Amino acid sequence: MSRISTLAVVLTSTLALVSGGAVTASAAPTAPAGETSPATVPATAAEQVDPVDWTPCNPDPSKPDPKIYDCAVYPVPLDYANPSGQKIGIAMLRRRAGDPAKRIGSLFLNPGGPGGSGYLWATTTRFEPKVQERFDLIGFDPRGVARSNPLRCFKTNEEADAVFGRMTGVPVTPTEVRDTLAATKDYTDSCARNAGPLVRHMSTLNVVRDLDRMRQAVGDAQLTFAGFSYGTLIGSTYANMYPDKVRAVIIDGNVDPHLRLHNGLEYDRQRASGGFELALDEFLKRCAAAGAPRCAFAEGGDTRARFDAIRDRLRTGPVTLPSGETVTLSSFTSQVASALYAQSRLAPLARSLQALDQVVNPRQGLGAVAQDVSADEADRLAKVAPAALREAPADTPYTADDSYYGVNCQDKPYPSNPKVFASLARAWELEAPTFGRYQAFDAPACATWPSPARSSERYAGPWNKRTANPVMVIGNTFDPATQYRFAQNMQRELGNSVLVTVDVIEHCAVGRSKALNALVTSYLVDGVAPEPGQVLKPDLDPFPLPKA
């Protein structure tokens, strides 16, 4: 299964499916090409916008209606150069404030991606009850995502499978590389044929314009927002396009906005070496320090050497498990990357690695922990991990959307020659042997994307506007997807911000530390920014003692 196909997989969320309508966009004029300077950013805040037309709804029809939610589809311009032209619909879900008499306003939420559906985030429990009492929580699908006019490059799943099936997530051999790049070109050609005019208006600049309209439409004088992962680019872009409209902005799991918007390749290289590779190394060190039975992979000696031996064996070809499942380099790498996103997945990853190690390097006389690990625990390493949530029910034969590349390829500048990525893969894996090649093949689609960054309207700075209130920046010391240095850079680049650090192997931190959540609540509710320089701990141990 290819990298692109994992980004387009339709998943069932842990939350129930919810239908959301959308206003269909037809034709609209193309936006002006090139980066947007501050002078050309429209003064959306001065415009009159219609209020949101909320309708009571139940986000989980399989359960009794709690009668605290409302749904809406809010129309925004497809092309802000022609604001009175064609509209697209932004699907919104609101959880009403628990204490209306003390309601402060609305807290808009974005989970990242790009391409992550934020609609059901209105039901999140990441925040303390006081936040839910004082704010309407508003989740929304950004333009082109899930319920909000999904950007689609294919008409049927069969068309998509015919293209994605020719790709390899982590291509190693010349044939794998050649076939992957050829199929990627077919993918972007299909996008040019099928995606319609929306493909030209997917940049974060336009997402932020939509967000400011929604802010006005719910009646808030200033924005209160929490963005995670890619959502930190939404938050930081908003802070610089509309600095006087910032009431409280939390950005957790941060990108480096200047680097991301100016050099896509270098951003990705640092993501591989300073993010994923660093988090993996820390996982292996902490596993060894915890020891068995707390970390199953610690039994058998040197965790680093044994992990590298497994990876290097997979580079030579797949491994067949006792169950008949097959572990490939692509499935292995994607599952390891996925596990590093959450501390709760680290102990299960250790058990899977121990089981796979027994298949690759069978040994006699193992201890009790290794004997307790069943062979089928390696099976999870045989499936490519999906990389994005797609909660919306299908309304066309092609059930995914292609918003990940729709946004990234307009925001992040890349070379127009796809062969560059194959050449870089060889160099990157020298400094990041597990994730260098994996990350190098994340973006070849952007080389031939129908509306790339080099010819698109996009916001690329400045990033140092002084906001009306401080921005709260949160960074994890071993965040795989958005390395800690990115959070430090974000804090330095913004004109008015404070950084809070959490010492944890995980992507994003809100909801994972009571100490952090107390700071978040004080910031959101009382407007008190945290003291700088704080380093917090997570609530849970990644390798807890086994239950007696």
Protein backbone atom coordinates (compact mmCIF):
# COMPACT_ATOMS: atom_id res chain seq x y z
CA MET A 1 0.00 0.00 0.00
CA SER A 2 1.40 3.41 -0.97
CA ARG A 3 2.08 6.48 1.13
CA ILE A 4 -0.53 8.47 -0.80
CA SER A 5 -3.15 5.79 -0.37
CA THR A 6 -2.65 5.71 3.37
CA LEU A 7 -3.31 9.43 3.43
CA ALA A 8 -6.52 8.90 1.50
CA VAL A 9 -7.86 5.92 3.45
CA VAL A 10 -11.34 6.36 4.84
CA LEU A 11 -11.28 5.52 8.54
CA THR A 12 -14.01 5.08 11.07
CA SER A 13 -13.29 7.43 13.92
CA THR A 14 -13.56 6.34 17.51
CA LEU A 15 -16.48 8.73 17.44
CA ALA A 16 -19.63 7.83 15.51
CA LEU A 17 -20.13 8.84 11.90
CA VAL A 18 -22.01 12.05 11.36
CA SER A 19 -23.43 13.26 8.09
CA GLY A 20 -22.65 16.81 7.04
CA GLY A 21 -23.92 18.61 3.97
CA ALA A 22 -21.88 20.90 1.80
CA VAL A 23 -22.47 23.64 -0.72
CA THR A 24 -21.13 22.42 -4.04
CA ALA A 25 -18.69 24.69 -5.80
CA SER A 26 -18.74 24.97 -9.56
CA ALA A 27 -16.57 27.37 -11.54
CA ALA A 28 -14.76 30.41 -10.22
CA PRO A 29 -11.95 32.64 -11.46
CA THR A 30 -8.42 31.67 -10.60
CA ALA A 31 -6.80 33.54 -7.70
CA PRO A 32 -3.77 35.68 -8.47
CA ALA A 33 -0.53 33.72 -8.49
CA GLY A 34 2.32 34.31 -6.10
CA GLU A 35 2.77 34.86 -2.40
CA THR A 36 0.45 37.17 -0.55
CA SER A 37 2.04 40.17 1.12
CA PRO A 38 0.47 41.80 4.17
CA ALA A 39 -0.82 44.64 1.98
CA THR A 40 -2.86 42.25 -0.18
CA VAL A 41 -4.52 40.38 2.69
CA PRO A 42 -8.17 41.47 2.57
CA ALA A 43 -9.56 43.16 5.64
CA THR A 44 -12.05 40.40 6.25
CA ALA A 45 -12.70 41.68 9.77
CA ALA A 46 -14.24 44.85 8.30
CA GLU A 47 -16.68 42.95 6.09
CA GLN A 48 -20.23 42.17 7.05
CA VAL A 49 -20.89 38.45 7.19
CA ASP A 50 -24.05 36.48 7.77
CA PRO A 51 -24.47 34.71 11.11
CA VAL A 52 -24.19 30.93 11.32
CA ASP A 53 -27.56 29.21 10.90
CA TRP A 54 -27.33 26.51 13.58
CA THR A 55 -29.60 23.46 13.66
CA PRO A 56 -29.78 21.09 16.67
CA CYS A 57 -28.22 17.72 15.88
CA ASN A 58 -26.90 14.54 17.47
CA PRO A 59 -23.26 13.76 16.59
CA ASP A 60 -23.80 10.08 17.47
CA PRO A 61 -27.20 8.89 16.22
CA SER A 62 -26.56 5.45 17.74
CA LYS A 63 -26.92 7.00 21.20
CA PRO A 64 -29.57 9.17 22.87
CA ASP A 65 -29.36 12.82 21.83
CA PRO A 66 -27.58 14.81 24.59
CA LYS A 67 -29.28 17.92 23.20
CA ILE A 68 -26.15 20.06 23.53
CA TYR A 69 -24.97 20.05 19.90
CA ASP A 70 -25.78 22.10 16.81
CA CYS A 71 -24.68 21.66 13.19
CA ALA A 72 -24.26 24.10 10.33
CA VAL A 73 -22.77 24.46 6.89
CA TYR A 74 -21.34 27.94 6.55
CA PRO A 75 -20.82 29.36 3.03
CA VAL A 76 -17.50 31.04 2.24
CA PRO A 77 -16.05 32.29 -1.05
CA LEU A 78 -14.31 29.68 -3.14
CA ASP A 79 -12.01 32.46 -4.39
CA TYR A 80 -11.45 35.47 -2.12
CA ALA A 81 -10.44 37.52 -5.15
CA ASN A 82 -14.11 37.19 -6.12
CA PRO A 83 -15.93 37.17 -2.75
CA SER A 84 -19.37 37.52 -4.32
CA GLY A 85 -18.79 34.58 -6.65
CA GLN A 86 -19.20 30.86 -6.09
CA LYS A 87 -19.37 29.57 -2.51
CA ILE A 88 -18.22 26.41 -0.78
CA GLY A 89 -19.61 25.11 2.51
CA ILE A 90 -17.66 24.67 5.75
CA ALA A 91 -19.23 21.96 7.93
CA MET A 92 -19.36 23.02 11.60
CA LEU A 93 -20.37 21.25 14.82
CA ARG A 94 -20.96 23.18 18.05
CA ARG A 95 -21.11 21.90 21.61
CA ARG A 96 -22.93 24.62 23.52
CA ALA A 97 -21.27 26.07 26.62
CA GLY A 98 -22.33 24.16 29.73
CA ASP A 99 -22.92 27.36 31.72
CA PRO A 100 -24.59 29.85 29.34
CA ALA A 101 -24.71 32.58 31.99
CA LYS A 102 -20.89 32.55 32.22
CA ARG A 103 -20.19 31.87 28.56
CA ILE A 104 -17.10 33.68 27.25
CA GLY A 105 -17.37 32.85 23.56
CA SER A 106 -16.40 30.13 21.09
CA LEU A 107 -13.31 27.91 21.07
CA PHE A 108 -12.50 26.86 17.52
CA LEU A 109 -10.57 23.59 17.16
CA ASN A 110 -8.39 22.08 14.45
CA PRO A 111 -6.68 18.67 14.82
CA GLY A 112 -4.09 19.07 12.09
CA GLY A 113 -3.27 17.05 9.02
CA PRO A 114 -3.52 18.89 6.80
CA GLY A 115 -6.67 17.04 5.86
CA GLY A 116 -7.68 16.04 9.37
CA SER A 117 -11.40 16.26 10.00
CA GLY A 118 -12.08 18.61 12.90
CA TYR A 119 -15.87 18.33 12.86
CA LEU A 120 -16.19 15.86 15.72
CA TRP A 121 -13.59 17.67 17.81
CA ALA A 122 -16.51 19.59 19.28
CA THR A 123 -17.02 16.42 21.32
CA THR A 124 -13.42 16.28 22.59
CA THR A 125 -12.62 15.65 26.26
CA ARG A 126 -9.04 16.95 26.03
CA PHE A 127 -9.95 20.10 27.96
CA GLU A 128 -10.95 20.54 31.59
CA PRO A 129 -14.69 20.82 32.40
CA LYS A 130 -14.31 24.53 33.13
CA VAL A 131 -13.41 25.13 29.48
CA GLN A 132 -16.50 23.23 28.33
CA GLU A 133 -18.64 25.27 30.73
CA ARG A 134 -17.39 28.65 29.54
CA PHE A 135 -17.00 28.11 25.78
CA ASP A 136 -18.96 26.78 22.88
CA LEU A 137 -16.60 24.18 21.40
CA ILE A 138 -16.63 24.42 17.61
CA GLY A 139 -15.18 21.71 15.40
CA PHE A 140 -15.07 22.21 11.65
CA ASP A 141 -13.78 20.54 8.52
CA PRO A 142 -11.55 23.01 6.65
CA ARG A 143 -12.21 23.60 2.98
CA GLY A 144 -11.62 20.50 0.87
CA VAL A 145 -11.73 18.15 3.88
CA ALA A 146 -14.32 15.44 4.62
CA ARG A 147 -17.74 17.17 4.86
CA SER A 148 -16.55 20.53 3.49
CA ASN A 149 -16.52 20.06 -0.28
CA PRO A 150 -13.90 17.28 -0.20
CA LEU A 151 -11.12 17.73 -2.73
CA ARG A 152 -11.16 14.57 -4.81
CA CYS A 153 -8.72 13.47 -7.47
CA PHE A 154 -10.59 10.35 -8.60
CA LYS A 155 -14.15 9.49 -9.54
CA THR A 156 -14.10 5.91 -8.28
CA ASN A 157 -12.18 3.82 -5.77
CA GLU A 158 -11.16 1.53 -8.62
CA GLU A 159 -9.42 4.42 -10.39
CA ALA A 160 -7.60 5.30 -7.19
CA ASP A 161 -6.58 1.70 -6.49
CA ALA A 162 -5.18 1.33 -10.01
CA VAL A 163 -2.82 4.24 -9.31
CA PHE A 164 -2.04 3.71 -5.62
CA GLY A 165 -1.45 -0.01 -6.13
CA ARG A 166 1.64 0.78 -8.21
CA MET A 167 3.29 2.76 -5.42
CA THR A 168 5.55 1.65 -2.58
CA GLY A 169 5.49 3.64 0.64
CA VAL A 170 9.24 3.28 1.22
CA PRO A 171 10.66 2.39 -2.20
CA VAL A 172 14.18 0.94 -2.17
CA THR A 173 14.87 -0.86 -5.43
CA PRO A 174 15.19 1.00 -8.76
CA THR A 175 11.98 -0.64 -9.95
CA GLU A 176 10.07 0.41 -6.82
CA VAL A 177 11.34 3.97 -7.16
CA ARG A 178 10.55 4.18 -10.88
CA ASP A 179 7.05 2.72 -10.50
CA THR A 180 6.27 4.95 -7.51
CA LEU A 181 7.28 8.15 -9.31
CA ALA A 182 5.38 7.16 -12.46
CA ALA A 183 2.24 6.38 -10.47
CA THR A 184 2.60 9.65 -8.55
CA LYS A 185 2.59 11.55 -11.85
CA ASP A 186 -0.57 9.69 -12.84
CA TYR A 187 -2.07 10.70 -9.49
CA THR A 188 -1.40 14.39 -9.99
CA ASP A 189 -2.64 14.19 -13.59
CA SER A 190 -5.88 12.76 -12.22
CA CYS A 191 -6.07 15.63 -9.75
CA ALA A 192 -5.73 18.12 -12.59
CA ARG A 193 -8.62 16.41 -14.42
CA ASN A 194 -10.99 15.84 -11.52
CA ALA A 195 -10.37 18.17 -8.58
CA GLY A 196 -12.04 21.22 -10.12
CA PRO A 197 -11.38 24.86 -9.27
CA LEU A 198 -11.06 24.18 -5.52
CA VAL A 199 -7.57 22.76 -6.11
CA ARG A 200 -6.37 26.32 -6.78
CA HIS A 201 -7.68 27.65 -3.44
CA MET A 202 -6.53 25.18 -0.77
CA SER A 203 -3.65 27.07 0.85
CA THR A 204 -3.61 27.82 4.58
CA LEU A 205 -4.12 31.46 3.66
CA ASN A 206 -7.64 30.59 2.50
CA VAL A 207 -8.32 28.34 5.50
CA VAL A 208 -7.48 31.28 7.76
CA ARG A 209 -9.72 33.63 5.79
CA ASP A 210 -12.53 31.09 6.28
CA LEU A 211 -11.76 30.90 10.00
CA ASP A 212 -11.97 34.65 10.42
CA ARG A 213 -15.35 34.67 8.68
CA MET A 214 -16.58 31.95 11.02
CA ARG A 215 -15.31 33.94 14.00
CA GLN A 216 -17.40 36.90 12.94
CA ALA A 217 -20.36 34.69 12.06
CA VAL A 218 -20.58 33.28 15.61
CA GLY A 219 -20.43 36.79 17.04
CA ASP A 220 -16.94 36.77 18.61
CA ALA A 221 -15.02 40.04 18.60
CA GLN A 222 -11.71 38.14 18.84
CA LEU A 223 -10.63 34.57 18.09
CA THR A 224 -10.15 31.83 20.67
CA PHE A 225 -8.50 28.85 18.94
CA ALA A 226 -6.63 25.64 19.66
CA GLY A 227 -4.69 24.10 16.79
CA PHE A 228 -2.73 20.88 16.85
CA SER A 229 0.07 19.79 14.49
CA TYR A 230 -0.70 21.42 11.11
CA GLY A 231 -3.34 23.38 13.05
CA THR A 232 -0.41 25.35 14.51
CA LEU A 233 0.21 26.79 11.05
CA ILE A 234 -3.44 27.87 10.93
CA GLY A 235 -3.06 29.50 14.35
CA SER A 236 0.24 31.23 13.60
CA THR A 237 -0.97 32.42 10.20
CA TYR A 238 -4.11 33.84 11.77
CA ALA A 239 -2.02 35.57 14.45
CA ASN A 240 -0.06 37.38 11.74
CA MET A 241 -2.89 38.13 9.32
CA TYR A 242 -5.24 39.37 12.06
CA PRO A 243 -3.01 40.16 15.08
CA ASP A 244 -5.54 42.48 16.72
CA LYS A 245 -8.20 39.75 16.62
CA VAL A 246 -6.28 37.29 18.81
CA ARG A 247 -7.99 36.70 22.17
CA ALA A 248 -6.31 33.36 22.95
CA VAL A 249 -4.50 31.03 20.53
CA ILE A 250 -3.04 27.70 21.64
CA ILE A 251 -0.74 25.92 19.20
CA ASP A 252 0.37 22.43 20.22
CA GLY A 253 2.77 20.22 18.22
CA ASN A 254 4.27 23.06 16.22
CA VAL A 255 5.53 23.44 12.71
CA ASP A 256 8.30 25.91 11.90
CA PRO A 257 6.23 28.31 9.79
CA HIS A 258 9.10 30.17 8.13
CA LEU A 259 10.94 27.00 7.15
CA ARG A 260 7.80 25.18 6.04
CA LEU A 261 6.65 28.02 3.79
CA HIS A 262 10.08 28.68 2.28
CA ASN A 263 11.81 25.30 1.86
CA GLY A 264 9.66 22.19 1.80
CA LEU A 265 12.59 19.82 1.30
CA GLU A 266 14.64 21.13 4.20
CA TYR A 267 11.56 21.11 6.42
CA ASP A 268 10.98 17.44 5.59
CA ARG A 269 14.64 16.53 6.11
CA GLN A 270 14.61 18.06 9.58
CA ARG A 271 11.30 16.34 10.29
CA ALA A 272 12.94 12.99 9.55
CA SER A 273 16.21 13.46 11.43
CA GLY A 274 15.21 15.74 14.27
CA GLY A 275 11.68 14.44 14.69
CA PHE A 276 10.94 10.80 13.91
CA GLU A 277 14.51 9.52 14.18
CA LEU A 278 15.16 11.35 17.44
CA ALA A 279 11.88 10.11 18.95
CA LEU A 280 12.67 6.53 17.90
CA ASP A 281 16.10 6.70 19.49
CA GLU A 282 14.59 8.02 22.72
CA PHE A 283 11.97 5.26 22.70
CA LEU A 284 14.68 2.61 22.40
CA LYS A 285 16.71 4.23 25.20
CA ARG A 286 13.74 4.52 27.54
CA CYS A 287 12.70 0.97 26.73
CA ALA A 288 16.16 -0.30 27.68
CA ALA A 289 16.13 1.79 30.86
CA ALA A 290 12.68 0.51 31.89
CA GLY A 291 13.76 -3.07 31.23
CA ALA A 292 11.62 -6.15 31.00
CA PRO A 293 8.84 -6.85 31.83
CA ARG A 294 7.84 -3.18 31.61
CA CYS A 295 9.20 -2.92 28.06
CA ALA A 296 9.10 -6.28 26.30
CA PHE A 297 11.68 -5.36 23.66
CA ALA A 298 14.29 -4.80 26.40
CA GLU A 299 14.58 -8.54 26.92
CA GLY A 300 17.28 -9.80 24.62
CA GLY A 301 19.81 -7.00 24.97
CA ASP A 302 20.77 -3.92 22.96
CA THR A 303 17.46 -2.44 21.79
CA ARG A 304 19.12 -0.15 19.23
CA ALA A 305 21.16 -2.87 17.56
CA ARG A 306 18.25 -5.31 17.44
CA PHE A 307 15.89 -2.71 15.99
CA ASP A 308 18.42 -1.78 13.31
CA ALA A 309 18.91 -5.45 12.45
CA ILE A 310 15.16 -5.88 11.91
CA ARG A 311 14.96 -2.79 9.72
CA ASP A 312 18.00 -3.76 7.66
CA ARG A 313 16.60 -7.26 7.16
CA LEU A 314 13.37 -5.76 5.81
CA ARG A 315 15.32 -3.65 3.34
CA THR A 316 16.32 -6.88 1.63
CA GLY A 317 12.74 -8.16 1.35
CA PRO A 318 9.54 -8.90 3.27
CA VAL A 319 9.30 -11.23 6.28
CA THR A 320 6.50 -13.78 6.46
CA LEU A 321 5.04 -14.27 9.93
CA PRO A 322 3.71 -17.51 11.42
CA SER A 323 0.17 -16.23 10.80
CA GLY A 324 0.90 -15.90 7.09
CA GLU A 325 0.90 -12.07 7.25
CA THR A 326 3.80 -10.30 5.55
CA VAL A 327 5.81 -7.45 7.05
CA THR A 328 7.38 -5.12 4.51
CA LEU A 329 9.74 -2.21 5.02
CA SER A 330 6.83 0.12 4.22
CA SER A 331 4.40 -1.42 6.69
CA PHE A 332 7.08 -1.66 9.39
CA THR A 333 8.18 1.95 9.01
CA SER A 334 4.66 3.36 8.96
CA GLN A 335 3.61 1.38 12.04
CA VAL A 336 6.69 2.46 14.01
CA ALA A 337 6.05 6.08 13.00
CA SER A 338 2.41 5.79 14.01
CA ALA A 339 3.26 4.31 17.42
CA LEU A 340 5.62 7.20 18.21
CA TYR A 341 2.67 9.60 17.94
CA ALA A 342 1.20 8.44 21.26
CA GLN A 343 2.81 7.36 24.51
CA SER A 344 0.05 4.78 24.96
CA ARG A 345 1.27 2.93 21.83
CA LEU A 346 4.88 2.53 22.93
CA ALA A 347 4.50 -0.55 25.13
CA PRO A 348 2.43 -2.36 22.45
CA LEU A 349 5.07 -1.40 19.87
CA ALA A 350 7.73 -2.96 22.08
CA ARG A 351 5.78 -6.22 22.19
CA SER A 352 5.36 -6.22 18.41
CA LEU A 353 9.07 -5.62 17.92
CA GLN A 354 9.89 -8.45 20.31
CA ALA A 355 7.59 -10.80 18.40
CA LEU A 356 9.05 -9.79 15.03
CA ASP A 357 12.59 -10.11 16.35
CA GLN A 358 11.84 -13.71 17.27
CA VAL A 359 10.84 -14.40 13.68
CA VAL A 360 13.82 -12.60 12.13
CA ASN A 361 16.39 -13.83 14.69
CA PRO A 362 14.97 -16.91 16.47
CA ARG A 363 16.73 -17.71 19.73
CA GLN A 364 16.43 -20.44 22.33
CA GLY A 365 16.28 -20.07 26.08
CA LEU A 366 14.31 -16.83 26.18
CA GLY A 367 13.07 -15.37 29.43
CA ALA A 368 9.53 -15.24 30.73
CA VAL A 369 8.71 -11.93 29.05
CA ALA A 370 9.67 -13.10 25.57
CA GLN A 371 7.74 -16.31 26.10
CA ASP A 372 4.70 -14.24 27.11
CA VAL A 373 4.79 -12.32 23.81
CA SER A 374 2.76 -14.25 21.25
CA ALA A 375 3.92 -14.52 17.65
CA ASP A 376 0.75 -12.87 16.34
CA GLU A 377 1.66 -9.63 18.12
CA ALA A 378 3.95 -8.96 15.17
CA ASP A 379 0.92 -8.96 12.87
CA ARG A 380 0.20 -5.28 13.52
CA LEU A 381 3.51 -4.45 11.82
CA ALA A 382 2.22 -6.05 8.62
CA LYS A 383 -0.38 -3.37 7.91
CA VAL A 384 0.44 0.09 6.63
CA ALA A 385 -0.80 2.59 9.21
CA PRO A 386 -3.39 5.03 7.88
CA ALA A 387 -2.11 8.56 8.25
CA ALA A 388 -5.26 10.67 8.47
CA LEU A 389 -8.77 10.48 9.83
CA ARG A 390 -11.64 10.52 7.35
CA GLU A 391 -14.84 10.38 9.32
CA ALA A 392 -17.37 11.53 6.73
CA PRO A 393 -19.61 8.97 5.03
CA ALA A 394 -18.99 8.51 1.33
CA ASP A 395 -21.20 10.47 -1.01
CA THR A 396 -19.41 9.49 -4.21
CA PRO A 397 -17.86 6.21 -5.37
CA TYR A 398 -14.42 7.62 -4.45
CA THR A 399 -14.63 7.68 -0.67
CA ALA A 400 -11.42 9.49 0.27
CA ASP A 401 -10.26 13.05 -0.22
CA ASP A 402 -6.94 14.50 -1.32
CA SER A 403 -6.76 17.53 0.92
CA TYR A 404 -3.40 16.53 2.44
CA TYR A 405 -1.59 17.29 -0.78
CA GLY A 406 -4.10 19.98 -1.71
CA VAL A 407 -2.85 22.07 1.22
CA ASN A 408 0.78 20.95 1.49
CA CYS A 409 1.58 21.38 -2.18
CA GLN A 410 0.23 24.94 -2.14
CA ASP A 411 1.98 25.90 1.10
CA LYS A 412 5.37 24.17 0.83
CA PRO A 413 7.62 24.98 -2.14
CA TYR A 414 9.28 21.96 -3.77
CA PRO A 415 11.36 21.34 -6.92
CA SER A 416 9.39 20.55 -10.08
CA ASN A 417 11.55 17.52 -10.91
CA PRO A 418 10.25 14.38 -9.13
CA LYS A 419 13.61 12.61 -9.52
CA VAL A 420 15.09 14.98 -6.95
CA PHE A 421 13.20 13.13 -4.21
CA ALA A 422 14.77 9.78 -5.14
CA SER A 423 18.24 11.30 -5.09
CA LEU A 424 17.64 12.91 -1.70
CA ALA A 425 16.32 9.67 -0.23
CA ARG A 426 19.79 8.12 -0.47
CA ALA A 427 21.38 11.06 1.37
CA TRP A 428 18.66 11.45 3.98
CA GLU A 429 18.76 7.84 5.10
CA LEU A 430 22.44 8.23 6.00
CA GLU A 431 21.47 10.61 8.84
CA ALA A 432 18.02 9.12 9.44
CA PRO A 433 18.32 5.40 8.59
CA THR A 434 14.74 4.50 9.53
CA PHE A 435 12.80 7.57 8.42
CA GLY A 436 14.98 9.42 5.90
CA ARG A 437 13.74 7.54 2.83
CA TYR A 438 10.24 7.37 4.30
CA GLN A 439 10.09 11.17 4.59
CA ALA A 440 11.80 11.84 1.25
CA PHE A 441 8.96 10.06 -0.54
CA ASP A 442 6.26 12.00 1.28
CA ALA A 443 6.04 14.83 -1.24
CA PRO A 444 6.92 13.85 -4.86
CA ALA A 445 3.29 14.64 -5.71
CA CYS A 446 4.03 18.30 -5.06
CA ALA A 447 6.55 18.36 -7.94
CA THR A 448 3.73 17.94 -10.48
CA TRP A 449 0.73 19.15 -8.45
CA PRO A 450 -1.71 21.10 -10.65
CA SER A 451 -1.52 24.19 -8.43
CA PRO A 452 1.88 24.16 -6.66
CA ALA A 453 3.24 26.64 -4.13
CA ARG A 454 5.46 28.35 -6.68
CA SER A 455 2.39 29.60 -8.59
CA SER A 456 -0.22 29.87 -5.81
CA GLU A 457 -1.51 32.59 -3.56
CA ARG A 458 -0.14 31.81 -0.10
CA TYR A 459 0.88 33.49 3.13
CA ALA A 460 4.61 33.07 3.76
CA GLY A 461 5.21 35.76 6.39
CA PRO A 462 6.06 37.94 8.16
CA TRP A 463 5.57 35.89 11.34
CA ASN A 464 6.49 38.48 13.96
CA LYS A 465 3.36 40.65 14.15
CA ARG A 466 2.60 41.59 17.75
CA THR A 467 -0.75 40.08 18.68
CA ALA A 468 -3.30 41.69 21.00
CA ASN A 469 -2.68 38.85 23.47
CA PRO A 470 0.16 36.31 23.81
CA VAL A 471 0.03 33.05 21.86
CA MET A 472 0.54 29.87 23.94
CA VAL A 473 3.06 27.56 22.22
CA ILE A 474 3.33 23.95 23.45
CA GLY A 475 6.14 21.59 22.47
CA ASN A 476 7.03 18.01 23.42
CA THR A 477 10.71 17.20 23.85
CA PHE A 478 10.43 14.11 21.63
CA ASP A 479 7.58 14.88 19.27
CA PRO A 480 8.11 12.69 16.19
CA ALA A 481 6.05 14.63 13.66
CA THR A 482 6.88 18.18 14.74
CA GLN A 483 10.23 18.15 16.49
CA TYR A 484 10.81 20.21 19.63
CA ARG A 485 13.14 22.59 17.78
CA PHE A 486 10.16 23.59 15.62
CA ALA A 487 8.27 24.67 18.75
CA GLN A 488 11.29 26.69 19.87
CA ASN A 489 11.50 28.28 16.42
CA MET A 490 7.78 29.03 16.43
CA GLN A 491 8.08 30.82 19.76
CA ARG A 492 11.04 32.87 18.50
CA GLU A 493 9.37 33.74 15.19
CA LEU A 494 6.08 34.93 16.68
CA GLY A 495 5.90 38.50 17.91
CA ASN A 496 4.16 37.78 21.23
CA SER A 497 4.23 34.22 22.57
CA VAL A 498 5.30 31.92 25.40
CA LEU A 499 6.58 28.32 25.18
CA VAL A 500 5.57 25.51 27.54
CA THR A 501 7.47 22.22 27.27
CA VAL A 502 6.33 18.68 28.07
CA ASP A 503 8.97 15.94 28.44
CA VAL A 504 7.31 13.12 26.54
CA ILE A 505 7.52 10.96 23.41
CA GLU A 506 4.24 11.97 21.79
CA HIS A 507 2.77 14.24 19.14
CA CYS A 508 0.89 17.07 20.91
CA ALA A 509 0.30 17.32 24.66
CA VAL A 510 -3.02 18.92 25.63
CA GLY A 511 -5.04 16.32 27.50
CA ARG A 512 -1.96 14.28 28.42
CA SER A 513 -0.76 16.30 31.43
CA LYS A 514 -2.90 17.64 34.28
CA ALA A 515 -0.29 20.31 34.95
CA LEU A 516 -0.44 21.45 31.33
CA ASN A 517 -4.23 21.41 31.24
CA ALA A 518 -4.36 23.65 34.30
CA LEU A 519 -2.23 26.19 32.42
CA VAL A 520 -4.44 25.81 29.34
CA THR A 521 -7.59 26.44 31.36
CA SER A 522 -6.13 29.50 33.07
CA TYR A 523 -5.04 30.86 29.69
CA LEU A 524 -8.34 30.23 27.92
CA VAL A 525 -10.73 31.19 30.71
CA ASP A 526 -8.84 33.84 32.66
CA GLY A 527 -6.54 35.18 29.95
CA VAL A 528 -3.43 34.44 32.03
CA ALA A 529 -0.47 33.40 29.87
CA PRO A 530 1.86 30.75 31.41
CA GLU A 531 5.20 31.69 32.84
CA PRO A 532 7.91 30.95 30.26
CA GLY A 533 10.45 28.16 30.68
CA GLN A 534 8.20 25.57 32.31
CA VAL A 535 9.01 21.90 31.65
CA LEU A 536 6.17 19.56 32.60
CA LYS A 537 5.72 15.81 32.85
CA PRO A 538 2.96 13.65 31.33
CA ASP A 539 0.47 11.95 33.63
CA LEU A 540 1.22 8.39 32.51
CA ASP A 541 4.33 6.24 32.30
CA PRO A 542 4.87 4.80 28.81
CA PHE A 543 6.06 1.52 30.33
CA PRO A 544 3.87 0.89 33.38
CA LEU A 545 4.48 -2.04 35.67
CA PRO A 546 2.41 -5.08 34.65
CA LYS A 547 -0.70 -5.66 36.70
CA ALA A 548 -0.33 -8.38 39.31
